[in-house]
Amino acid sequence: KRYGGKLDPQKVMAIAVYHETGEVITGDLVTPIKYYNPQITQAYKDVEKVAEETMISMLPEEFQEEYRNLIQPQDSYEAKIVKAADTLAAYAKCIEELKTGNIEFAKAKDTVLKKLHEMNMPCVEDFLKEFMPGF
């Protein structure tokens, strides 16, 4: 309840398993590029959506809608939790890279942190406060 709603842990797990399905086709785009500017971020999201649709179309027709709900979940609380975890991982990656001297991640770090705050999720703010200082 504290974090905004009733949570279905099995749904979180299922969405998390499939959340990067499109990367089977696109590969992973590194954080500094993905978050370099809003136009690149949106363009990559568009490419990811096409890749996800391609993957869904490869499934037998009777499975497509069920898997679409996992690969392209709507704005359920569970989908928001998975997105928050993925974004927190990107933020941690930026911090790790900056500690090694890779300044290419500086702008991405700021962009990702802003995105995390914009999620307006108490669990994200708690994670940033309690765990991120360890990074």
N, C-alpha and C. Protein backbone atom coordinates (compact mmCIF):
# COMPACT_ATOMS: atom_id res chain seq x y z
N LYS A 1 0.81 -1.20 0.00
CA LYS A 1 0.00 0.00 0.00
C LYS A 1 0.85 1.26 0.00
N ARG A 2 1.93 1.24 0.79
CA ARG A 2 2.77 2.44 0.92
C ARG A 2 3.24 2.93 -0.44
N TYR A 3 3.42 2.03 -1.38
CA TYR A 3 4.01 2.41 -2.65
C TYR A 3 3.00 2.59 -3.76
N GLY A 4 1.74 2.69 -3.47
CA GLY A 4 0.82 3.13 -4.50
C GLY A 4 -0.17 2.12 -5.03
N GLY A 5 -0.26 0.95 -4.48
CA GLY A 5 -1.27 0.05 -4.98
C GLY A 5 -1.01 -1.39 -4.61
N LYS A 6 -1.97 -2.22 -4.90
CA LYS A 6 -1.82 -3.66 -4.67
C LYS A 6 -0.91 -4.21 -5.75
N LEU A 7 0.04 -5.00 -5.33
CA LEU A 7 1.07 -5.50 -6.24
C LEU A 7 0.89 -7.00 -6.45
N ASP A 8 0.93 -7.42 -7.70
CA ASP A 8 0.89 -8.84 -8.05
C ASP A 8 2.33 -9.25 -8.38
N PRO A 9 3.03 -9.91 -7.44
CA PRO A 9 4.44 -10.24 -7.67
C PRO A 9 4.66 -11.15 -8.88
N GLN A 10 3.73 -12.04 -9.16
CA GLN A 10 3.89 -12.92 -10.32
C GLN A 10 3.83 -12.12 -11.63
N LYS A 11 2.97 -11.11 -11.66
CA LYS A 11 2.87 -10.27 -12.85
C LYS A 11 4.14 -9.44 -13.01
N VAL A 12 4.68 -8.94 -11.90
CA VAL A 12 5.95 -8.19 -11.96
C VAL A 12 7.03 -9.08 -12.56
N MET A 13 7.13 -10.31 -12.06
CA MET A 13 8.15 -11.23 -12.54
C MET A 13 7.97 -11.51 -14.03
N ALA A 14 6.75 -11.78 -14.46
CA ALA A 14 6.50 -12.10 -15.86
C ALA A 14 6.84 -10.91 -16.77
N ILE A 15 6.44 -9.71 -16.37
CA ILE A 15 6.76 -8.52 -17.17
C ILE A 15 8.27 -8.30 -17.20
N ALA A 16 8.94 -8.52 -16.06
CA ALA A 16 10.39 -8.34 -16.00
C ALA A 16 11.11 -9.32 -16.94
N VAL A 17 10.62 -10.54 -17.01
CA VAL A 17 11.26 -11.54 -17.87
C VAL A 17 11.21 -11.11 -19.33
N TYR A 18 10.11 -10.50 -19.75
CA TYR A 18 9.92 -10.16 -21.16
C TYR A 18 10.19 -8.69 -21.49
N HIS A 19 10.61 -7.89 -20.53
CA HIS A 19 10.67 -6.44 -20.76
C HIS A 19 11.70 -6.00 -21.79
N GLU A 20 12.66 -6.82 -22.12
CA GLU A 20 13.64 -6.43 -23.14
C GLU A 20 13.59 -7.34 -24.36
N THR A 21 12.43 -7.88 -24.64
CA THR A 21 12.26 -8.80 -25.76
C THR A 21 12.71 -8.18 -27.08
N GLY A 22 12.40 -6.92 -27.31
CA GLY A 22 12.78 -6.25 -28.55
C GLY A 22 14.28 -6.23 -28.79
N GLU A 23 15.06 -6.31 -27.71
CA GLU A 23 16.52 -6.27 -27.84
C GLU A 23 17.08 -7.53 -28.49
N VAL A 24 16.26 -8.55 -28.63
CA VAL A 24 16.68 -9.72 -29.40
C VAL A 24 17.00 -9.29 -30.83
N ILE A 25 16.24 -8.32 -31.32
CA ILE A 25 16.44 -7.79 -32.68
C ILE A 25 17.36 -6.58 -32.67
N THR A 26 17.13 -5.64 -31.76
CA THR A 26 17.87 -4.37 -31.80
C THR A 26 19.23 -4.43 -31.13
N GLY A 27 19.42 -5.34 -30.19
CA GLY A 27 20.59 -5.29 -29.33
C GLY A 27 20.36 -4.21 -28.29
N ASP A 28 21.26 -4.09 -27.34
CA ASP A 28 21.11 -3.09 -26.29
C ASP A 28 21.84 -1.82 -26.70
N LEU A 29 21.19 -0.71 -26.55
CA LEU A 29 21.82 0.57 -26.84
C LEU A 29 22.34 1.14 -25.52
N VAL A 30 23.60 1.51 -25.48
CA VAL A 30 24.20 1.98 -24.23
C VAL A 30 23.54 3.27 -23.75
N THR A 31 23.49 3.41 -22.44
CA THR A 31 22.78 4.50 -21.79
C THR A 31 23.14 5.89 -22.31
N PRO A 32 24.42 6.25 -22.48
CA PRO A 32 24.72 7.61 -22.94
C PRO A 32 24.11 7.94 -24.29
N ILE A 33 23.98 6.94 -25.13
CA ILE A 33 23.37 7.19 -26.44
C ILE A 33 21.86 7.22 -26.31
N LYS A 34 21.31 6.23 -25.61
CA LYS A 34 19.86 6.12 -25.47
C LYS A 34 19.26 7.39 -24.85
N TYR A 35 19.98 7.99 -23.92
CA TYR A 35 19.44 9.16 -23.21
C TYR A 35 20.19 10.45 -23.56
N TYR A 36 20.85 10.47 -24.72
CA TYR A 36 21.62 11.66 -25.10
C TYR A 36 20.73 12.89 -25.25
N ASN A 37 19.60 12.70 -25.93
CA ASN A 37 18.63 13.80 -26.05
C ASN A 37 17.25 13.19 -26.28
N PRO A 38 16.19 13.97 -26.09
CA PRO A 38 14.83 13.43 -26.22
C PRO A 38 14.51 12.84 -27.59
N GLN A 39 15.09 13.39 -28.65
CA GLN A 39 14.81 12.89 -29.99
C GLN A 39 15.38 11.47 -30.17
N ILE A 40 16.61 11.27 -29.69
CA ILE A 40 17.21 9.94 -29.80
C ILE A 40 16.44 8.95 -28.92
N THR A 41 16.08 9.37 -27.72
CA THR A 41 15.32 8.50 -26.82
C THR A 41 14.03 8.07 -27.48
N GLN A 42 13.29 9.00 -28.07
CA GLN A 42 12.02 8.67 -28.71
C GLN A 42 12.23 7.80 -29.94
N ALA A 43 13.24 8.11 -30.73
CA ALA A 43 13.51 7.31 -31.92
C ALA A 43 13.83 5.86 -31.53
N TYR A 44 14.62 5.70 -30.46
CA TYR A 44 14.94 4.34 -30.03
C TYR A 44 13.71 3.61 -29.50
N LYS A 45 12.84 4.33 -28.79
CA LYS A 45 11.59 3.71 -28.33
C LYS A 45 10.75 3.24 -29.51
N ASP A 46 10.74 4.03 -30.58
CA ASP A 46 10.00 3.65 -31.79
C ASP A 46 10.59 2.39 -32.42
N VAL A 47 11.91 2.32 -32.47
CA VAL A 47 12.59 1.14 -33.02
C VAL A 47 12.29 -0.08 -32.14
N GLU A 48 12.34 0.12 -30.83
CA GLU A 48 12.04 -0.98 -29.91
C GLU A 48 10.63 -1.51 -30.12
N LYS A 49 9.68 -0.59 -30.32
CA LYS A 49 8.28 -1.00 -30.52
C LYS A 49 8.15 -1.85 -31.79
N VAL A 50 8.81 -1.45 -32.86
CA VAL A 50 8.78 -2.24 -34.10
C VAL A 50 9.39 -3.62 -33.85
N ALA A 51 10.50 -3.66 -33.13
CA ALA A 51 11.14 -4.94 -32.83
C ALA A 51 10.23 -5.82 -31.97
N GLU A 52 9.57 -5.22 -30.99
CA GLU A 52 8.64 -5.98 -30.15
C GLU A 52 7.48 -6.54 -30.98
N GLU A 53 6.94 -5.71 -31.85
CA GLU A 53 5.84 -6.16 -32.71
C GLU A 53 6.30 -7.30 -33.61
N THR A 54 7.53 -7.22 -34.09
CA THR A 54 8.08 -8.30 -34.92
C THR A 54 8.16 -9.59 -34.12
N MET A 55 8.66 -9.50 -32.90
CA MET A 55 8.76 -10.70 -32.06
C MET A 55 7.37 -11.27 -31.75
N ILE A 56 6.42 -10.41 -31.44
CA ILE A 56 5.05 -10.87 -31.15
C ILE A 56 4.46 -11.55 -32.38
N SER A 57 4.71 -11.01 -33.55
CA SER A 57 4.14 -11.58 -34.78
C SER A 57 4.69 -12.97 -35.09
N MET A 58 5.82 -13.32 -34.50
CA MET A 58 6.42 -14.63 -34.71
C MET A 58 5.75 -15.73 -33.86
N LEU A 59 4.97 -15.31 -32.89
CA LEU A 59 4.27 -16.27 -32.03
C LEU A 59 3.04 -16.83 -32.73
N PRO A 60 2.60 -18.02 -32.35
CA PRO A 60 1.31 -18.49 -32.85
C PRO A 60 0.23 -17.47 -32.49
N GLU A 61 -0.68 -17.26 -33.39
CA GLU A 61 -1.70 -16.22 -33.23
C GLU A 61 -2.43 -16.31 -31.89
N GLU A 62 -2.70 -17.52 -31.42
CA GLU A 62 -3.47 -17.67 -30.18
C GLU A 62 -2.69 -17.21 -28.94
N PHE A 63 -1.38 -17.01 -29.04
CA PHE A 63 -0.58 -16.54 -27.91
C PHE A 63 -0.24 -15.05 -27.99
N GLN A 64 -0.48 -14.44 -29.13
CA GLN A 64 0.03 -13.08 -29.35
C GLN A 64 -0.49 -12.05 -28.36
N GLU A 65 -1.76 -12.03 -28.08
CA GLU A 65 -2.29 -10.99 -27.18
C GLU A 65 -1.80 -11.19 -25.75
N GLU A 66 -1.75 -12.44 -25.31
CA GLU A 66 -1.28 -12.69 -23.95
C GLU A 66 0.18 -12.24 -23.79
N TYR A 67 1.00 -12.56 -24.77
CA TYR A 67 2.40 -12.15 -24.69
C TYR A 67 2.58 -10.66 -24.95
N ARG A 68 1.71 -10.06 -25.74
CA ARG A 68 1.77 -8.61 -25.95
C ARG A 68 1.62 -7.89 -24.60
N ASN A 69 0.74 -8.43 -23.74
CA ASN A 69 0.52 -7.83 -22.43
C ASN A 69 1.76 -7.92 -21.53
N LEU A 70 2.65 -8.84 -21.83
CA LEU A 70 3.90 -8.95 -21.08
C LEU A 70 5.03 -8.16 -21.74
N ILE A 71 5.10 -8.22 -23.06
CA ILE A 71 6.16 -7.54 -23.80
C ILE A 71 5.91 -6.04 -23.90
N GLN A 72 4.65 -5.66 -24.05
CA GLN A 72 4.26 -4.24 -24.13
C GLN A 72 3.16 -3.96 -23.10
N PRO A 73 3.49 -4.09 -21.81
CA PRO A 73 2.46 -3.90 -20.80
C PRO A 73 1.94 -2.47 -20.78
N GLN A 74 0.68 -2.35 -20.49
CA GLN A 74 0.10 -1.02 -20.35
C GLN A 74 0.51 -0.44 -19.01
N ASP A 75 -0.06 0.65 -18.62
CA ASP A 75 0.37 1.36 -17.42
C ASP A 75 -0.13 0.73 -16.13
N SER A 76 0.09 -0.56 -15.97
CA SER A 76 -0.26 -1.21 -14.72
C SER A 76 0.80 -0.84 -13.67
N TYR A 77 0.45 -1.00 -12.42
CA TYR A 77 1.41 -0.76 -11.35
C TYR A 77 2.61 -1.67 -11.49
N GLU A 78 2.37 -2.92 -11.88
CA GLU A 78 3.46 -3.88 -12.05
C GLU A 78 4.41 -3.44 -13.16
N ALA A 79 3.88 -2.92 -14.26
CA ALA A 79 4.73 -2.43 -15.34
C ALA A 79 5.55 -1.23 -14.88
N LYS A 80 4.97 -0.38 -14.06
CA LYS A 80 5.70 0.78 -13.54
C LYS A 80 6.85 0.34 -12.63
N ILE A 81 6.62 -0.70 -11.84
CA ILE A 81 7.68 -1.22 -10.97
C ILE A 81 8.85 -1.75 -11.81
N VAL A 82 8.54 -2.50 -12.86
CA VAL A 82 9.59 -3.04 -13.73
C VAL A 82 10.35 -1.90 -14.42
N LYS A 83 9.63 -0.91 -14.91
CA LYS A 83 10.26 0.24 -15.56
C LYS A 83 11.16 0.99 -14.57
N ALA A 84 10.69 1.14 -13.34
CA ALA A 84 11.48 1.82 -12.32
C ALA A 84 12.77 1.04 -12.03
N ALA A 85 12.66 -0.27 -11.91
CA ALA A 85 13.85 -1.10 -11.64
C ALA A 85 14.84 -1.00 -12.80
N ASP A 86 14.34 -1.03 -14.02
CA ASP A 86 15.20 -0.92 -15.20
C ASP A 86 15.90 0.44 -15.23
N THR A 87 15.19 1.48 -14.90
CA THR A 87 15.75 2.84 -14.90
C THR A 87 16.76 3.00 -13.77
N LEU A 88 16.47 2.41 -12.61
CA LEU A 88 17.44 2.43 -11.51
C LEU A 88 18.72 1.71 -11.90
N ALA A 89 18.60 0.62 -12.63
CA ALA A 89 19.79 -0.11 -13.09
C ALA A 89 20.60 0.76 -14.06
N ALA A 90 19.92 1.50 -14.92
CA ALA A 90 20.62 2.40 -15.84
C ALA A 90 21.35 3.50 -15.07
N TYR A 91 20.72 4.00 -14.02
CA TYR A 91 21.33 5.04 -13.20
C TYR A 91 22.58 4.49 -12.49
N ALA A 92 22.46 3.28 -11.94
CA ALA A 92 23.61 2.65 -11.29
C ALA A 92 24.76 2.44 -12.28
N LYS A 93 24.42 2.05 -13.50
CA LYS A 93 25.44 1.87 -14.54
C LYS A 93 26.16 3.19 -14.82
N CYS A 94 25.42 4.26 -14.88
CA CYS A 94 26.03 5.58 -15.11
C CYS A 94 27.02 5.91 -13.99
N ILE A 95 26.61 5.67 -12.76
CA ILE A 95 27.49 5.97 -11.62
C ILE A 95 28.75 5.10 -11.68
N GLU A 96 28.59 3.83 -11.97
CA GLU A 96 29.75 2.94 -12.07
C GLU A 96 30.70 3.41 -13.16
N GLU A 97 30.17 3.76 -14.30
CA GLU A 97 31.03 4.22 -15.40
C GLU A 97 31.73 5.52 -15.06
N LEU A 98 31.05 6.44 -14.41
CA LEU A 98 31.67 7.71 -14.03
C LEU A 98 32.80 7.48 -13.04
N LYS A 99 32.63 6.52 -12.14
CA LYS A 99 33.68 6.22 -11.16
C LYS A 99 34.95 5.69 -11.84
N THR A 100 34.80 5.08 -13.01
CA THR A 100 35.98 4.58 -13.73
C THR A 100 36.59 5.66 -14.62
N GLY A 101 35.97 6.85 -14.62
CA GLY A 101 36.49 7.95 -15.42
C GLY A 101 35.83 8.10 -16.77
N ASN A 102 34.81 7.33 -17.04
CA ASN A 102 34.12 7.40 -18.34
C ASN A 102 33.10 8.55 -18.31
N ILE A 103 33.56 9.73 -18.70
CA ILE A 103 32.73 10.93 -18.60
C ILE A 103 31.58 10.95 -19.62
N GLU A 104 31.58 10.02 -20.55
CA GLU A 104 30.49 9.93 -21.52
C GLU A 104 29.15 9.68 -20.84
N PHE A 105 29.18 9.19 -19.60
CA PHE A 105 27.95 8.87 -18.88
C PHE A 105 27.43 10.02 -18.02
N ALA A 106 28.11 11.17 -18.00
CA ALA A 106 27.70 12.28 -17.13
C ALA A 106 26.33 12.83 -17.51
N LYS A 107 26.13 13.12 -18.77
CA LYS A 107 24.84 13.67 -19.21
C LYS A 107 23.72 12.64 -19.02
N ALA A 108 24.01 11.39 -19.33
CA ALA A 108 23.01 10.33 -19.18
C ALA A 108 22.61 10.19 -17.71
N LYS A 109 23.59 10.28 -16.81
CA LYS A 109 23.31 10.18 -15.37
C LYS A 109 22.28 11.23 -14.96
N ASP A 110 22.48 12.46 -15.39
CA ASP A 110 21.55 13.54 -15.04
C ASP A 110 20.17 13.30 -15.65
N THR A 111 20.15 12.86 -16.89
CA THR A 111 18.88 12.60 -17.58
C THR A 111 18.12 11.46 -16.92
N VAL A 112 18.83 10.40 -16.57
CA VAL A 112 18.18 9.24 -15.95
C VAL A 112 17.69 9.60 -14.55
N LEU A 113 18.47 10.35 -13.79
CA LEU A 113 18.04 10.77 -12.45
C LEU A 113 16.77 11.62 -12.54
N LYS A 114 16.73 12.53 -13.49
CA LYS A 114 15.53 13.35 -13.68
C LYS A 114 14.32 12.46 -13.99
N LYS A 115 14.54 11.48 -14.86
CA LYS A 115 13.48 10.54 -15.22
C LYS A 115 12.98 9.77 -14.00
N LEU A 116 13.91 9.36 -13.13
CA LEU A 116 13.53 8.65 -11.92
C LEU A 116 12.65 9.52 -11.02
N HIS A 117 13.04 10.76 -10.83
CA HIS A 117 12.23 11.66 -9.99
C HIS A 117 10.86 11.92 -10.61
N GLU A 118 10.81 12.00 -11.93
CA GLU A 118 9.53 12.25 -12.61
C GLU A 118 8.56 11.08 -12.49
N MET A 119 9.07 9.90 -12.14
CA MET A 119 8.18 8.75 -11.94
C MET A 119 7.25 8.97 -10.74
N ASN A 120 7.68 9.84 -9.83
CA ASN A 120 6.87 10.18 -8.66
C ASN A 120 6.43 8.92 -7.90
N MET A 121 7.39 8.04 -7.66
CA MET A 121 7.12 6.78 -6.96
C MET A 121 7.91 6.78 -5.64
N PRO A 122 7.22 6.71 -4.51
CA PRO A 122 7.94 6.67 -3.22
C PRO A 122 8.98 5.57 -3.13
N CYS A 123 8.71 4.41 -3.72
CA CYS A 123 9.69 3.31 -3.65
C CYS A 123 10.98 3.68 -4.39
N VAL A 124 10.88 4.43 -5.47
CA VAL A 124 12.07 4.87 -6.21
C VAL A 124 12.85 5.88 -5.36
N GLU A 125 12.14 6.83 -4.77
CA GLU A 125 12.80 7.82 -3.93
C GLU A 125 13.47 7.15 -2.72
N ASP A 126 12.80 6.16 -2.13
CA ASP A 126 13.39 5.43 -1.01
C ASP A 126 14.66 4.71 -1.46
N PHE A 127 14.61 4.07 -2.63
CA PHE A 127 15.78 3.36 -3.14
C PHE A 127 16.93 4.33 -3.37
N LEU A 128 16.63 5.46 -3.98
CA LEU A 128 17.68 6.45 -4.22
C LEU A 128 18.31 6.93 -2.91
N LYS A 129 17.49 7.13 -1.91
CA LYS A 129 17.96 7.63 -0.62
C LYS A 129 18.72 6.55 0.17
N GLU A 130 18.19 5.35 0.20
CA GLU A 130 18.74 4.32 1.07
C GLU A 130 19.87 3.50 0.45
N PHE A 131 19.79 3.24 -0.85
CA PHE A 131 20.73 2.31 -1.46
C PHE A 131 21.75 2.95 -2.41
N MET A 132 21.36 3.99 -3.12
CA MET A 132 22.27 4.57 -4.12
C MET A 132 23.53 5.18 -3.50
N PRO A 133 23.49 5.70 -2.26
CA PRO A 133 24.76 6.21 -1.71
C PRO A 133 25.86 5.14 -1.65
N GLY A 134 25.46 3.87 -1.60
CA GLY A 134 26.44 2.79 -1.59
C GLY A 134 27.16 2.62 -2.91
N PHE A 135 26.63 3.23 -3.95
CA PHE A 135 27.27 3.16 -5.25
C PHE A 135 28.33 4.23 -5.38
